[in-house]
Amino acid sequence: QVQLVESGGGLVQAGGSLRLSCAASGRPFSSYAMGWFRQAPGKEREFVAAINWSGGSTYYADSVKGRFTISRDNAKNTVYLQMNSLKPEDTAVYFCAADQTGALPRTIEIEYEHWGQGTQVTVSS
């Protein structure tokens, strides 16, 4: 079992930056692929970014490509989401998730077994 805790959310102006962190505890973090998803008010949760167990493979939603960067530090059991050039439409609750298969960065919710509680990101115009 893996426990995930997100942090780093907050209020930022359009064009600004935030870095989200997701700290993991429990089973060896380094064996899991990790993903970030987000859910805006009144919308379905959507994929944002994912990274495989080693950090050697990443994948991004088109809406964030070139602005967001996912990374991980297996020694610290933490995955990060660096968000630059934020837009009001990035406003959402951001969730991290863990996929025990590990090998590939996955984009679909049901492929992730463990989820954090989420952190709110609000981008003002």
Protein backbone atom coordinates (compact mmCIF):
# COMPACT_ATOMS: atom_id res chain seq x y z
CA GLN A 1 0.00 0.00 0.00
CA VAL A 2 1.20 3.50 -0.83
CA GLN A 3 0.05 6.68 0.89
CA LEU A 4 0.27 9.91 -1.09
CA VAL A 5 0.17 13.47 0.22
CA GLU A 6 0.16 16.47 -2.11
CA SER A 7 1.36 19.94 -1.20
CA GLY A 8 2.33 23.20 -2.84
CA GLY A 9 -1.01 24.39 -4.12
CA GLY A 10 -2.22 27.94 -3.67
CA LEU A 11 -3.35 31.14 -5.31
CA VAL A 12 -1.22 32.62 -8.10
CA GLN A 13 -1.71 35.22 -10.79
CA ALA A 14 -1.88 34.29 -14.44
CA GLY A 15 1.61 33.89 -15.84
CA GLY A 16 3.00 32.79 -12.50
CA SER A 17 4.47 29.50 -11.34
CA LEU A 18 3.87 26.88 -8.69
CA ARG A 19 5.57 23.62 -7.84
CA LEU A 20 3.45 20.80 -6.51
CA SER A 21 4.95 17.97 -4.50
CA CYS A 22 3.59 14.52 -3.77
CA ALA A 23 5.24 12.64 -0.92
CA ALA A 24 4.82 8.89 -0.82
CA SER A 25 5.11 6.44 2.04
CA GLY A 26 4.60 2.71 2.27
CA ARG A 27 5.78 0.32 -0.43
CA PRO A 28 8.97 1.18 -2.37
CA PHE A 29 8.21 4.40 -4.19
CA SER A 30 10.81 3.76 -6.86
CA SER A 31 8.82 0.85 -8.31
CA TYR A 32 5.76 2.95 -9.13
CA ALA A 33 4.89 5.06 -12.10
CA MET A 34 3.36 8.33 -10.97
CA GLY A 35 0.80 10.64 -12.45
CA TRP A 36 -0.82 14.01 -11.89
CA PHE A 37 -4.49 14.58 -12.63
CA ARG A 38 -6.72 17.58 -12.03
CA GLN A 39 -10.39 18.30 -11.56
CA ALA A 40 -11.94 21.69 -12.15
CA PRO A 41 -15.35 22.62 -10.67
CA GLY A 42 -18.14 20.92 -12.57
CA LYS A 43 -15.76 18.94 -14.76
CA GLU A 44 -14.44 15.42 -14.94
CA ARG A 45 -11.00 14.64 -13.56
CA GLU A 46 -8.43 14.80 -16.35
CA PHE A 47 -4.90 13.62 -16.97
CA VAL A 48 -2.10 16.17 -16.66
CA ALA A 49 1.27 14.40 -16.64
CA ALA A 50 2.90 11.08 -15.84
CA ILE A 51 6.35 9.64 -15.28
CA ASN A 52 7.60 6.09 -15.19
CA TRP A 53 9.45 4.48 -12.27
CA SER A 54 12.92 5.61 -13.33
CA GLY A 55 12.00 9.08 -14.54
CA GLY A 56 13.23 8.18 -17.99
CA SER A 57 9.84 8.44 -19.64
CA THR A 58 7.27 11.19 -19.27
CA TYR A 59 3.99 12.10 -20.93
CA TYR A 60 1.89 15.27 -20.88
CA ALA A 61 -1.57 16.38 -21.79
CA ASP A 62 -1.54 18.72 -24.79
CA SER A 63 -3.01 21.49 -22.67
CA VAL A 64 0.07 21.65 -20.42
CA LYS A 65 2.86 20.56 -22.76
CA GLY A 66 5.69 23.07 -22.74
CA ARG A 67 4.45 24.72 -19.52
CA PHE A 68 4.45 21.89 -16.96
CA THR A 69 7.26 19.52 -16.04
CA ILE A 70 6.91 16.31 -14.06
CA SER A 71 9.93 14.92 -12.24
CA ARG A 72 10.70 12.58 -9.38
CA ASP A 73 13.32 12.05 -6.70
CA ASN A 74 13.24 8.40 -5.68
CA ALA A 75 15.65 9.04 -2.81
CA LYS A 76 13.10 11.45 -1.32
CA ASN A 77 10.03 9.40 -2.28
CA THR A 78 8.60 12.47 -3.97
CA VAL A 79 7.20 13.40 -7.35
CA TYR A 80 6.94 17.02 -8.48
CA LEU A 81 4.91 19.03 -10.93
CA GLN A 82 6.51 22.31 -11.92
CA MET A 83 3.84 24.56 -13.40
CA ASN A 84 4.90 27.66 -15.32
CA SER A 85 2.97 30.22 -17.34
CA LEU A 86 -0.17 29.37 -15.44
CA LYS A 87 -3.54 30.24 -16.92
CA PRO A 88 -6.94 30.69 -15.24
CA GLU A 89 -8.06 27.47 -16.93
CA ASP A 90 -5.42 25.60 -14.93
CA THR A 91 -7.52 26.24 -11.82
CA ALA A 92 -8.41 22.87 -10.32
CA VAL A 93 -7.76 20.43 -7.54
CA TYR A 94 -4.59 18.54 -8.45
CA PHE A 95 -4.19 14.89 -7.49
CA CYS A 96 -1.18 12.64 -7.62
CA ALA A 97 -1.57 8.93 -8.24
CA ALA A 98 0.61 5.81 -8.17
CA ASP A 99 0.58 2.93 -10.64
CA GLN A 100 2.25 -0.23 -9.39
CA THR A 101 3.12 -1.53 -12.85
CA GLY A 102 5.75 1.17 -13.03
CA ALA A 103 7.20 0.73 -16.49
CA LEU A 104 5.20 3.27 -18.48
CA PRO A 105 3.70 6.70 -17.78
CA ARG A 106 -0.05 6.07 -17.96
CA THR A 107 -2.81 8.51 -18.82
CA ILE A 108 -5.98 6.74 -17.68
CA GLU A 109 -7.35 6.98 -14.14
CA ILE A 110 -8.28 3.33 -13.74
CA GLU A 111 -4.67 2.32 -14.30
CA TYR A 112 -3.69 3.98 -11.01
CA GLU A 113 -4.25 2.09 -7.78
CA HIS A 114 -3.44 4.78 -5.21
CA TRP A 115 -4.50 8.42 -4.97
CA GLY A 116 -3.78 11.40 -2.80
CA GLN A 117 -6.39 13.76 -1.39
CA GLY A 118 -5.55 16.63 -3.72
CA THR A 119 -4.29 20.18 -3.46
CA GLN A 120 -6.10 23.27 -4.73
CA VAL A 121 -4.51 25.44 -7.40
CA THR A 122 -6.22 28.73 -8.21
CA VAL A 123 -4.99 30.99 -10.99
CA SER A 124 -6.42 34.50 -11.04
CA SER A 125 -6.68 36.58 -14.21
